[in-house]
Amino acid sequence: MSTLAVAKKDYHDAIRSRELWALIAVFVLFLGGAALIDLWADTSIDDGLPVVVLLTSIFVMVFLVPCAALLVSIKSIVRERSLGTIIFLLALPHSRFEVYVGKLLGRLAVFTTAVLVGYLPALLLLAAGVDGFDPVPFVGVLVVMLLFGFIYVVLGHNVSAMTTSETRASVAGFAVFVLMYTWDTLFYVLNSQFELLDGHAETFVLRFQLQTVAEDIVKAVESLRDSDVGSASVAVSGGGDVPFYLYHWFAVVVLGIWLGLPLALGYWRFSRADL
């Protein structure tokens, strides 16, 4: 109950902030605007979505969602430490684990609210203005976008738990954003230079690209109702067997690692921090 109490308080405090409403406005502007353009221009349908909405959703997931998730979560704990209110919060009494998990749940709820409310106008516009509009692809993109954002919320929350000032948290958050989009390039350069891995081992490492995770989750869901969708993420030349980690479903395991490992590391650091 203490965990839920912390989460509810954190959520209620956040929904009164201007930052949340600014995030909602940005999502509405991009996605609602894209839906209006599609309706006005009568654009074609691509992968189950009007083309402008599809392209805008890609931009939102690649850039806007990570920024929004980090903005929501990066000061979740460090602000309490900076203001000194973390001592009162732990004295209510709440354990460090309850504060850590409760704050995370609250920030996940805030991020989910921003995305859902931001997407609602676009969904209503498309449902009302596009003949035969199928909401399933739209909802599928929305779910993947939320899961994609949850990773950044977790990363931002852990940065907040591991830093001692809001400035350091902001700098670390920016570093996380950059690193998430460059680590595979760094790996490629190092691997090419030192020939560390090749073949399926190299492919396994690259499976941790968030874009690949998102694509494979979508493909895994599509394969359940469409037999034409292949079950493997990467085709094996020469007719060899496909390793289990190259199937689409393994993206769920990768997602679990992206969420679970930072959570464990963040709590370990927070539980030992001198508050």
C-alpha atoms as a PDB file:
ATOM      1  CA  MET A   1       0.000   0.000   0.000  1.00  0.00           C
ATOM      2  CA  SER A   2       2.877   2.383   0.735  1.00  0.00           C
ATOM      3  CA  THR A   3       4.161   1.914  -2.816  1.00  0.00           C
ATOM      4  CA  LEU A   4       0.771   2.833  -4.264  1.00  0.00           C
ATOM      5  CA  ALA A   5       0.498   5.793  -1.902  1.00  0.00           C
ATOM      6  CA  VAL A   6       3.819   7.142  -3.153  1.00  0.00           C
ATOM      7  CA  ALA A   7       2.773   6.516  -6.765  1.00  0.00           C
ATOM      8  CA  LYS A   8      -0.581   8.277  -6.334  1.00  0.00           C
ATOM      9  CA  LYS A   9       0.975  11.306  -4.677  1.00  0.00           C
ATOM     10  CA  ASP A  10       3.664  11.534  -7.347  1.00  0.00           C
ATOM     11  CA  TYR A  11       1.063  11.255 -10.112  1.00  0.00           C
ATOM     12  CA  HIS A  12      -1.271  13.839  -8.588  1.00  0.00           C
ATOM     13  CA  ASP A  13       1.613  16.264  -8.141  1.00  0.00           C
ATOM     14  CA  ALA A  14       2.695  15.741 -11.749  1.00  0.00           C
ATOM     15  CA  ILE A  15      -0.717  16.237 -13.370  1.00  0.00           C
ATOM     16  CA  ARG A  16      -0.864  19.695 -11.825  1.00  0.00           C
ATOM     17  CA  SER A  17       2.434  20.664 -13.434  1.00  0.00           C
ATOM     18  CA  ARG A  18       2.744  22.737 -16.584  1.00  0.00           C
ATOM     19  CA  GLU A  19       5.294  20.288 -17.976  1.00  0.00           C
ATOM     20  CA  LEU A  20       2.700  17.527 -18.345  1.00  0.00           C
ATOM     21  CA  TRP A  21       0.192  19.754 -20.116  1.00  0.00           C
ATOM     22  CA  ALA A  22       2.947  21.058 -22.382  1.00  0.00           C
ATOM     23  CA  LEU A  23       3.806  17.464 -23.330  1.00  0.00           C
ATOM     24  CA  ILE A  24       0.164  16.679 -24.063  1.00  0.00           C
ATOM     25  CA  ALA A  25      -0.091  19.808 -26.216  1.00  0.00           C
ATOM     26  CA  VAL A  26       2.988  18.774 -28.226  1.00  0.00           C
ATOM     27  CA  PHE A  27       1.610  15.267 -28.856  1.00  0.00           C
ATOM     28  CA  VAL A  28      -1.764  16.707 -29.890  1.00  0.00           C
ATOM     29  CA  LEU A  29      -0.063  19.234 -32.178  1.00  0.00           C
ATOM     30  CA  PHE A  30       2.038  16.650 -34.006  1.00  0.00           C
ATOM     31  CA  LEU A  31      -0.408  13.748 -34.232  1.00  0.00           C
ATOM     32  CA  GLY A  32      -3.647  15.697 -34.465  1.00  0.00           C
ATOM     33  CA  GLY A  33      -2.046  17.946 -37.076  1.00  0.00           C
ATOM     34  CA  ALA A  34      -0.875  14.911 -39.062  1.00  0.00           C
ATOM     35  CA  ALA A  35      -4.391  13.439 -38.988  1.00  0.00           C
ATOM     36  CA  LEU A  36      -5.868  16.725 -40.238  1.00  0.00           C
ATOM     37  CA  ILE A  37      -3.359  16.832 -43.108  1.00  0.00           C
ATOM     38  CA  ASP A  38      -4.254  13.266 -44.077  1.00  0.00           C
ATOM     39  CA  LEU A  39      -7.960  14.099 -44.055  1.00  0.00           C
ATOM     40  CA  TRP A  40      -7.470  17.309 -46.027  1.00  0.00           C
ATOM     41  CA  ALA A  41      -5.139  15.773 -48.629  1.00  0.00           C
ATOM     42  CA  ASP A  42      -6.925  12.403 -48.769  1.00  0.00           C
ATOM     43  CA  THR A  43      -3.570  10.610 -48.576  1.00  0.00           C
ATOM     44  CA  SER A  44      -3.033   6.916 -49.195  1.00  0.00           C
ATOM     45  CA  ILE A  45      -2.992   4.192 -46.553  1.00  0.00           C
ATOM     46  CA  ASP A  46       0.423   2.639 -45.829  1.00  0.00           C
ATOM     47  CA  ASP A  47       0.806  -0.299 -43.396  1.00  0.00           C
ATOM     48  CA  GLY A  48      -2.744   0.328 -42.190  1.00  0.00           C
ATOM     49  CA  LEU A  49      -2.198   4.024 -41.401  1.00  0.00           C
ATOM     50  CA  PRO A  50      -2.524   7.225 -43.458  1.00  0.00           C
ATOM     51  CA  VAL A  51       0.948   8.095 -44.701  1.00  0.00           C
ATOM     52  CA  VAL A  52       1.362  11.429 -42.867  1.00  0.00           C
ATOM     53  CA  VAL A  53       0.251   9.908 -39.550  1.00  0.00           C
ATOM     54  CA  LEU A  54       2.608   6.974 -40.147  1.00  0.00           C
ATOM     55  CA  LEU A  55       5.613   9.213 -40.856  1.00  0.00           C
ATOM     56  CA  THR A  56       4.751  11.489 -37.938  1.00  0.00           C
ATOM     57  CA  SER A  57       4.434   8.491 -35.613  1.00  0.00           C
ATOM     58  CA  ILE A  58       7.935   7.369 -36.603  1.00  0.00           C
ATOM     59  CA  PHE A  59       9.310  10.831 -35.806  1.00  0.00           C
ATOM     60  CA  VAL A  60       7.397  10.930 -32.525  1.00  0.00           C
ATOM     61  CA  MET A  61       8.676   7.504 -31.461  1.00  0.00           C
ATOM     62  CA  VAL A  62      12.290   8.177 -32.460  1.00  0.00           C
ATOM     63  CA  PHE A  63      12.638  11.690 -31.058  1.00  0.00           C
ATOM     64  CA  LEU A  64       9.655  13.038 -29.142  1.00  0.00           C
ATOM     65  CA  VAL A  65       8.854   9.980 -27.012  1.00  0.00           C
ATOM     66  CA  PRO A  66      12.419   9.610 -25.625  1.00  0.00           C
ATOM     67  CA  CYS A  67      12.590  13.335 -24.855  1.00  0.00           C
ATOM     68  CA  ALA A  68       9.182  13.276 -23.168  1.00  0.00           C
ATOM     69  CA  ALA A  69       9.984  10.130 -21.167  1.00  0.00           C
ATOM     70  CA  LEU A  70      13.294  11.529 -19.926  1.00  0.00           C
ATOM     71  CA  LEU A  71      11.724  14.889 -19.119  1.00  0.00           C
ATOM     72  CA  VAL A  72       9.026  13.170 -17.060  1.00  0.00           C
ATOM     73  CA  SER A  73      11.398  10.898 -15.136  1.00  0.00           C
ATOM     74  CA  ILE A  74      14.809  12.548 -14.898  1.00  0.00           C
ATOM     75  CA  LYS A  75      14.029  14.479 -11.687  1.00  0.00           C
ATOM     76  CA  SER A  76      11.682  11.981 -10.052  1.00  0.00           C
ATOM     77  CA  ILE A  77      13.959  11.292  -7.068  1.00  0.00           C
ATOM     78  CA  VAL A  78      16.821  13.771  -7.347  1.00  0.00           C
ATOM     79  CA  ARG A  79      14.454  16.724  -6.899  1.00  0.00           C
ATOM     80  CA  GLU A  80      13.283  15.245  -3.597  1.00  0.00           C
ATOM     81  CA  ARG A  81      16.930  14.924  -2.568  1.00  0.00           C
ATOM     82  CA  SER A  82      17.767  18.479  -3.659  1.00  0.00           C
ATOM     83  CA  LEU A  83      14.837  19.935  -1.711  1.00  0.00           C
ATOM     84  CA  GLY A  84      15.457  17.713   1.307  1.00  0.00           C
ATOM     85  CA  THR A  85      11.922  16.283   1.168  1.00  0.00           C
ATOM     86  CA  ILE A  86      13.245  12.757   0.607  1.00  0.00           C
ATOM     87  CA  ILE A  87      13.942  12.540   4.360  1.00  0.00           C
ATOM     88  CA  PHE A  88      10.315  13.364   5.201  1.00  0.00           C
ATOM     89  CA  LEU A  89       9.090  10.942   2.545  1.00  0.00           C
ATOM     90  CA  LEU A  90      11.126   8.106   4.052  1.00  0.00           C
ATOM     91  CA  ALA A  91       9.929   8.997   7.552  1.00  0.00           C
ATOM     92  CA  LEU A  92       6.176   8.583   6.828  1.00  0.00           C
ATOM     93  CA  PRO A  93       7.211   5.652   6.936  1.00  0.00           C
ATOM     94  CA  HIS A  94       8.109   4.409   3.458  1.00  0.00           C
ATOM     95  CA  SER A  95      11.056   2.153   2.740  1.00  0.00           C
ATOM     96  CA  ARG A  96      13.549   3.073   0.045  1.00  0.00           C
ATOM     97  CA  PHE A  97      12.186   0.259  -2.088  1.00  0.00           C
ATOM     98  CA  GLU A  98       8.645   1.620  -1.782  1.00  0.00           C
ATOM     99  CA  VAL A  99       9.794   5.131  -2.660  1.00  0.00           C
ATOM    100  CA  TYR A 100      11.848   3.860  -5.597  1.00  0.00           C
ATOM    101  CA  VAL A 101       9.067   1.710  -7.068  1.00  0.00           C
ATOM    102  CA  GLY A 102       6.280   4.147  -6.194  1.00  0.00           C
ATOM    103  CA  LYS A 103       8.044   7.043  -7.884  1.00  0.00           C
ATOM    104  CA  LEU A 104       8.644   4.879 -10.949  1.00  0.00           C
ATOM    105  CA  LEU A 105       4.994   3.825 -11.166  1.00  0.00           C
ATOM    106  CA  GLY A 106       3.896   7.434 -10.801  1.00  0.00           C
ATOM    107  CA  ARG A 107       6.175   8.586 -13.627  1.00  0.00           C
ATOM    108  CA  LEU A 108       5.089   5.703 -15.871  1.00  0.00           C
ATOM    109  CA  ALA A 109       1.470   6.728 -15.274  1.00  0.00           C
ATOM    110  CA  VAL A 110       2.264  10.364 -16.089  1.00  0.00           C
ATOM    111  CA  PHE A 111       4.011   9.408 -19.329  1.00  0.00           C
ATOM    112  CA  THR A 112       1.181   7.047 -20.311  1.00  0.00           C
ATOM    113  CA  THR A 113      -1.387   9.775 -19.673  1.00  0.00           C
ATOM    114  CA  ALA A 114       0.511  12.252 -21.850  1.00  0.00           C
ATOM    115  CA  VAL A 115       0.767   9.808 -24.765  1.00  0.00           C
ATOM    116  CA  LEU A 116      -2.819   8.510 -24.580  1.00  0.00           C
ATOM    117  CA  VAL A 117      -4.403  11.946 -24.279  1.00  0.00           C
ATOM    118  CA  GLY A 118      -2.100  13.236 -27.005  1.00  0.00           C
ATOM    119  CA  TYR A 119      -3.094  10.416 -29.369  1.00  0.00           C
ATOM    120  CA  LEU A 120      -6.839  10.558 -28.712  1.00  0.00           C
ATOM    121  CA  PRO A 121      -7.658  13.502 -31.052  1.00  0.00           C
ATOM    122  CA  ALA A 122      -5.800  11.837 -33.944  1.00  0.00           C
ATOM    123  CA  LEU A 123      -7.653   8.559 -33.378  1.00  0.00           C
ATOM    124  CA  LEU A 124     -11.046  10.294 -33.290  1.00  0.00           C
ATOM    125  CA  LEU A 125     -10.281  12.331 -36.416  1.00  0.00           C
ATOM    126  CA  LEU A 126      -9.189   9.268 -38.390  1.00  0.00           C
ATOM    127  CA  ALA A 127     -12.104   7.154 -37.173  1.00  0.00           C
ATOM    128  CA  ALA A 128     -14.591   9.853 -38.197  1.00  0.00           C
ATOM    129  CA  GLY A 129     -12.974  10.971 -41.447  1.00  0.00           C
ATOM    130  CA  VAL A 130     -11.434   7.866 -43.054  1.00  0.00           C
ATOM    131  CA  ASP A 131     -13.805   5.324 -44.595  1.00  0.00           C
ATOM    132  CA  GLY A 132     -13.088   1.818 -43.376  1.00  0.00           C
ATOM    133  CA  PHE A 133     -10.443   3.003 -40.933  1.00  0.00           C
ATOM    134  CA  ASP A 134      -8.929   0.050 -39.070  1.00  0.00           C
ATOM    135  CA  PRO A 135      -7.891   1.101 -35.545  1.00  0.00           C
ATOM    136  CA  VAL A 136      -5.805  -2.044 -34.943  1.00  0.00           C
ATOM    137  CA  PRO A 137      -2.583  -0.784 -36.637  1.00  0.00           C
ATOM    138  CA  PHE A 138      -3.035   2.577 -34.911  1.00  0.00           C
ATOM    139  CA  VAL A 139      -3.414   0.945 -31.501  1.00  0.00           C
ATOM    140  CA  GLY A 140      -0.482  -1.356 -32.274  1.00  0.00           C
ATOM    141  CA  VAL A 141       1.777   1.618 -32.987  1.00  0.00           C
ATOM    142  CA  LEU A 142       0.530   3.266 -29.798  1.00  0.00           C
ATOM    143  CA  VAL A 143       1.345   0.208 -27.669  1.00  0.00           C
ATOM    144  CA  VAL A 144       4.837  -0.108 -29.161  1.00  0.00           C
ATOM    145  CA  MET A 145       5.376   3.610 -28.587  1.00  0.00           C
ATOM    146  CA  LEU A 146       4.416   3.247 -24.919  1.00  0.00           C
ATOM    147  CA  LEU A 147       6.766   0.287 -24.439  1.00  0.00           C
ATOM    148  CA  PHE A 148       9.519   2.212 -26.222  1.00  0.00           C
ATOM    149  CA  GLY A 149       8.924   5.165 -23.903  1.00  0.00           C
ATOM    150  CA  PHE A 150       8.831   2.984 -20.783  1.00  0.00           C
ATOM    151  CA  ILE A 151      12.485   2.092 -21.380  1.00  0.00           C
ATOM    152  CA  TYR A 152      13.429   5.771 -21.326  1.00  0.00           C
ATOM    153  CA  VAL A 153      11.270   6.410 -18.252  1.00  0.00           C
ATOM    154  CA  VAL A 154      13.122   3.605 -16.465  1.00  0.00           C
ATOM    155  CA  LEU A 155      16.504   4.943 -17.597  1.00  0.00           C
ATOM    156  CA  GLY A 156      15.629   8.492 -16.563  1.00  0.00           C
ATOM    157  CA  HIS A 157      14.292   7.319 -13.206  1.00  0.00           C
ATOM    158  CA  ASN A 158      17.498   5.415 -12.528  1.00  0.00           C
ATOM    159  CA  VAL A 159      19.639   8.404 -13.475  1.00  0.00           C
ATOM    160  CA  SER A 160      17.563  10.399 -10.996  1.00  0.00           C
ATOM    161  CA  ALA A 161      18.149   7.784  -8.292  1.00  0.00           C
ATOM    162  CA  MET A 162      21.898   7.671  -8.918  1.00  0.00           C
ATOM    163  CA  THR A 163      22.683  11.406  -9.022  1.00  0.00           C
ATOM    164  CA  THR A 164      22.839  14.019  -6.268  1.00  0.00           C
ATOM    165  CA  SER A 165      21.795  17.201  -8.082  1.00  0.00           C
ATOM    166  CA  GLU A 166      19.291  18.195 -10.752  1.00  0.00           C
ATOM    167  CA  THR A 167      22.066  19.608 -12.936  1.00  0.00           C
ATOM    168  CA  ARG A 168      23.960  16.325 -12.919  1.00  0.00           C
ATOM    169  CA  ALA A 169      20.746  14.444 -13.605  1.00  0.00           C
ATOM    170  CA  SER A 170      19.976  16.652 -16.618  1.00  0.00           C
ATOM    171  CA  VAL A 171      23.491  16.221 -18.031  1.00  0.00           C
ATOM    172  CA  ALA A 172      23.333  12.464 -17.469  1.00  0.00           C
ATOM    173  CA  GLY A 173      19.893  12.338 -19.093  1.00  0.00           C
ATOM    174  CA  PHE A 174      21.241  14.051 -22.203  1.00  0.00           C
ATOM    175  CA  ALA A 175      24.150  11.595 -22.234  1.00  0.00           C
ATOM    176  CA  VAL A 176      21.698   8.688 -22.030  1.00  0.00           C
ATOM    177  CA  PHE A 177      19.703  10.085 -24.963  1.00  0.00           C
ATOM    178  CA  VAL A 178      22.834  10.415 -27.120  1.00  0.00           C
ATOM    179  CA  LEU A 179      24.256   7.041 -26.071  1.00  0.00           C
ATOM    180  CA  MET A 180      21.030   5.198 -26.876  1.00  0.00           C
ATOM    181  CA  TYR A 181      21.319   6.326 -30.489  1.00  0.00           C
ATOM    182  CA  THR A 182      25.068   5.887 -30.880  1.00  0.00           C
ATOM    183  CA  TRP A 183      26.020   2.746 -28.939  1.00  0.00           C
ATOM    184  CA  ASP A 184      25.461   0.488 -31.949  1.00  0.00           C
ATOM    185  CA  THR A 185      27.718   2.708 -34.088  1.00  0.00           C
ATOM    186  CA  LEU A 186      30.397   2.607 -31.393  1.00  0.00           C
ATOM    187  CA  PHE A 187      30.032  -1.167 -31.218  1.00  0.00           C
ATOM    188  CA  TYR A 188      30.329  -1.432 -35.003  1.00  0.00           C
ATOM    189  CA  VAL A 189      33.526   0.660 -35.033  1.00  0.00           C
ATOM    190  CA  LEU A 190      35.133  -1.303 -32.192  1.00  0.00           C
ATOM    191  CA  ASN A 191      34.022  -4.629 -33.615  1.00  0.00           C
ATOM    192  CA  SER A 192      35.394  -3.758 -37.047  1.00  0.00           C
ATOM    193  CA  GLN A 193      38.677  -2.627 -35.536  1.00  0.00           C
ATOM    194  CA  PHE A 194      39.282  -5.539 -33.169  1.00  0.00           C
ATOM    195  CA  GLU A 195      37.100  -8.262 -34.775  1.00  0.00           C
ATOM    196  CA  LEU A 196      35.471  -9.146 -31.463  1.00  0.00           C
ATOM    197  CA  LEU A 197      32.314 -10.815 -32.768  1.00  0.00           C
ATOM    198  CA  ASP A 198      30.919 -12.024 -36.066  1.00  0.00           C
ATOM    199  CA  GLY A 199      27.978 -13.938 -37.480  1.00  0.00           C
ATOM    200  CA  HIS A 200      25.026 -14.578 -35.183  1.00  0.00           C
ATOM    201  CA  ALA A 201      26.947 -13.348 -32.121  1.00  0.00           C
ATOM    202  CA  GLU A 202      27.239  -9.904 -33.684  1.00  0.00           C
ATOM    203  CA  THR A 203      23.591 -10.031 -34.733  1.00  0.00           C
ATOM    204  CA  PHE A 204      22.594 -10.935 -31.165  1.00  0.00           C
ATOM    205  CA  VAL A 205      24.227  -7.774 -29.806  1.00  0.00           C
ATOM    206  CA  LEU A 206      22.529  -5.651 -32.451  1.00  0.00           C
ATOM    207  CA  ARG A 207      19.162  -7.135 -31.441  1.00  0.00           C
ATOM    208  CA  PHE A 208      19.319  -4.716 -28.507  1.00  0.00           C
ATOM    209  CA  GLN A 209      18.783  -1.735 -30.809  1.00  0.00           C
ATOM    210  CA  LEU A 210      15.492  -0.228 -29.662  1.00  0.00           C
ATOM    211  CA  GLN A 211      14.328   0.242 -33.244  1.00  0.00           C
ATOM    212  CA  THR A 212      14.848  -3.475 -33.856  1.00  0.00           C
ATOM    213  CA  VAL A 213      13.021  -4.341 -30.632  1.00  0.00           C
ATOM    214  CA  ALA A 214      10.051  -2.181 -31.646  1.00  0.00           C
ATOM    215  CA  GLU A 215       9.917  -3.633 -35.166  1.00  0.00           C
ATOM    216  CA  ASP A 216      10.133  -7.215 -33.926  1.00  0.00           C
ATOM    217  CA  ILE A 217       7.370  -6.754 -31.366  1.00  0.00           C
ATOM    218  CA  VAL A 218       5.115  -5.448 -34.143  1.00  0.00           C
ATOM    219  CA  LYS A 219       6.102  -8.356 -36.408  1.00  0.00           C
ATOM    220  CA  ALA A 220       5.545 -10.873 -33.609  1.00  0.00           C
ATOM    221  CA  VAL A 221       1.986  -9.610 -33.143  1.00  0.00           C
ATOM    222  CA  GLU A 222       1.346  -9.512 -36.894  1.00  0.00           C
ATOM    223  CA  SER A 223       2.599 -13.083 -37.315  1.00  0.00           C
ATOM    224  CA  LEU A 224      -0.157 -14.308 -34.983  1.00  0.00           C
ATOM    225  CA  ARG A 225      -2.857 -13.348 -37.481  1.00  0.00           C
ATOM    226  CA  ASP A 226      -0.915 -13.268 -40.768  1.00  0.00           C
ATOM    227  CA  SER A 227       0.938 -16.401 -41.837  1.00  0.00           C
ATOM    228  CA  ASP A 228       2.788 -14.455 -44.540  1.00  0.00           C
ATOM    229  CA  VAL A 229       4.787 -12.612 -41.882  1.00  0.00           C
ATOM    230  CA  GLY A 230       8.020 -14.468 -41.213  1.00  0.00           C
ATOM    231  CA  SER A 231       8.756 -15.628 -37.685  1.00  0.00           C
ATOM    232  CA  ALA A 232      12.473 -14.809 -37.738  1.00  0.00           C
ATOM    233  CA  SER A 233      14.030 -11.384 -37.481  1.00  0.00           C
ATOM    234  CA  VAL A 234      16.983 -12.272 -39.691  1.00  0.00           C
ATOM    235  CA  ALA A 235      17.006 -14.773 -42.572  1.00  0.00           C
ATOM    236  CA  VAL A 236      19.772 -17.349 -42.404  1.00  0.00           C
ATOM    237  CA  SER A 237      21.554 -17.945 -45.685  1.00  0.00           C
ATOM    238  CA  GLY A 238      22.355 -21.474 -46.788  1.00  0.00           C
ATOM    239  CA  GLY A 239      19.249 -22.961 -45.212  1.00  0.00           C
ATOM    240  CA  GLY A 240      20.701 -23.118 -41.715  1.00  0.00           C
ATOM    241  CA  ASP A 241      18.620 -23.224 -38.565  1.00  0.00           C
ATOM    242  CA  VAL A 242      17.554 -19.901 -37.105  1.00  0.00           C
ATOM    243  CA  PRO A 243      18.886 -19.340 -33.555  1.00  0.00           C
ATOM    244  CA  PHE A 244      16.151 -18.752 -30.998  1.00  0.00           C
ATOM    245  CA  TYR A 245      17.336 -15.207 -30.299  1.00  0.00           C
ATOM    246  CA  LEU A 246      16.654 -14.193 -33.907  1.00  0.00           C
ATOM    247  CA  TYR A 247      12.928 -14.896 -33.729  1.00  0.00           C
ATOM    248  CA  HIS A 248      10.564 -11.954 -33.386  1.00  0.00           C
ATOM    249  CA  TRP A 249       9.239 -13.136 -30.019  1.00  0.00           C
ATOM    250  CA  PHE A 250      12.716 -12.813 -28.478  1.00  0.00           C
ATOM    251  CA  ALA A 251      12.233  -9.033 -28.647  1.00  0.00           C
ATOM    252  CA  VAL A 252      10.008  -9.414 -25.579  1.00  0.00           C
ATOM    253  CA  VAL A 253      12.979 -10.908 -23.707  1.00  0.00           C
ATOM    254  CA  VAL A 254      15.214  -8.060 -24.905  1.00  0.00           C
ATOM    255  CA  LEU A 255      12.595  -5.572 -23.739  1.00  0.00           C
ATOM    256  CA  GLY A 256      12.571  -7.265 -20.340  1.00  0.00           C
ATOM    257  CA  ILE A 257      16.362  -6.922 -20.129  1.00  0.00           C
ATOM    258  CA  TRP A 258      16.186  -3.237 -21.089  1.00  0.00           C
ATOM    259  CA  LEU A 259      13.667  -2.687 -18.294  1.00  0.00           C
ATOM    260  CA  GLY A 260      14.902  -5.098 -15.632  1.00  0.00           C
ATOM    261  CA  LEU A 261      18.660  -4.546 -15.669  1.00  0.00           C
ATOM    262  CA  PRO A 262      18.546  -0.737 -15.232  1.00  0.00           C
ATOM    263  CA  LEU A 263      15.892  -1.137 -12.516  1.00  0.00           C
ATOM    264  CA  ALA A 264      18.074  -3.548 -10.554  1.00  0.00           C
ATOM    265  CA  LEU A 265      21.149  -1.336 -10.936  1.00  0.00           C
ATOM    266  CA  GLY A 266      19.255   1.838 -10.051  1.00  0.00           C
ATOM    267  CA  TYR A 267      17.698   0.388  -6.913  1.00  0.00           C
ATOM    268  CA  TRP A 268      21.016  -1.124  -5.811  1.00  0.00           C
ATOM    269  CA  ARG A 269      22.621   2.321  -6.044  1.00  0.00           C
ATOM    270  CA  PHE A 270      19.681   4.144  -4.425  1.00  0.00           C
ATOM    271  CA  SER A 271      19.470   1.677  -1.524  1.00  0.00           C
ATOM    272  CA  ARG A 272      23.100   2.448  -0.626  1.00  0.00           C
ATOM    273  CA  ALA A 273      23.084   6.195  -1.248  1.00  0.00           C
ATOM    274  CA  ASP A 274      23.760   8.614   1.592  1.00  0.00           C
ATOM    275  CA  LEU A 275      20.592  10.706   1.652  1.00  0.00           C
END
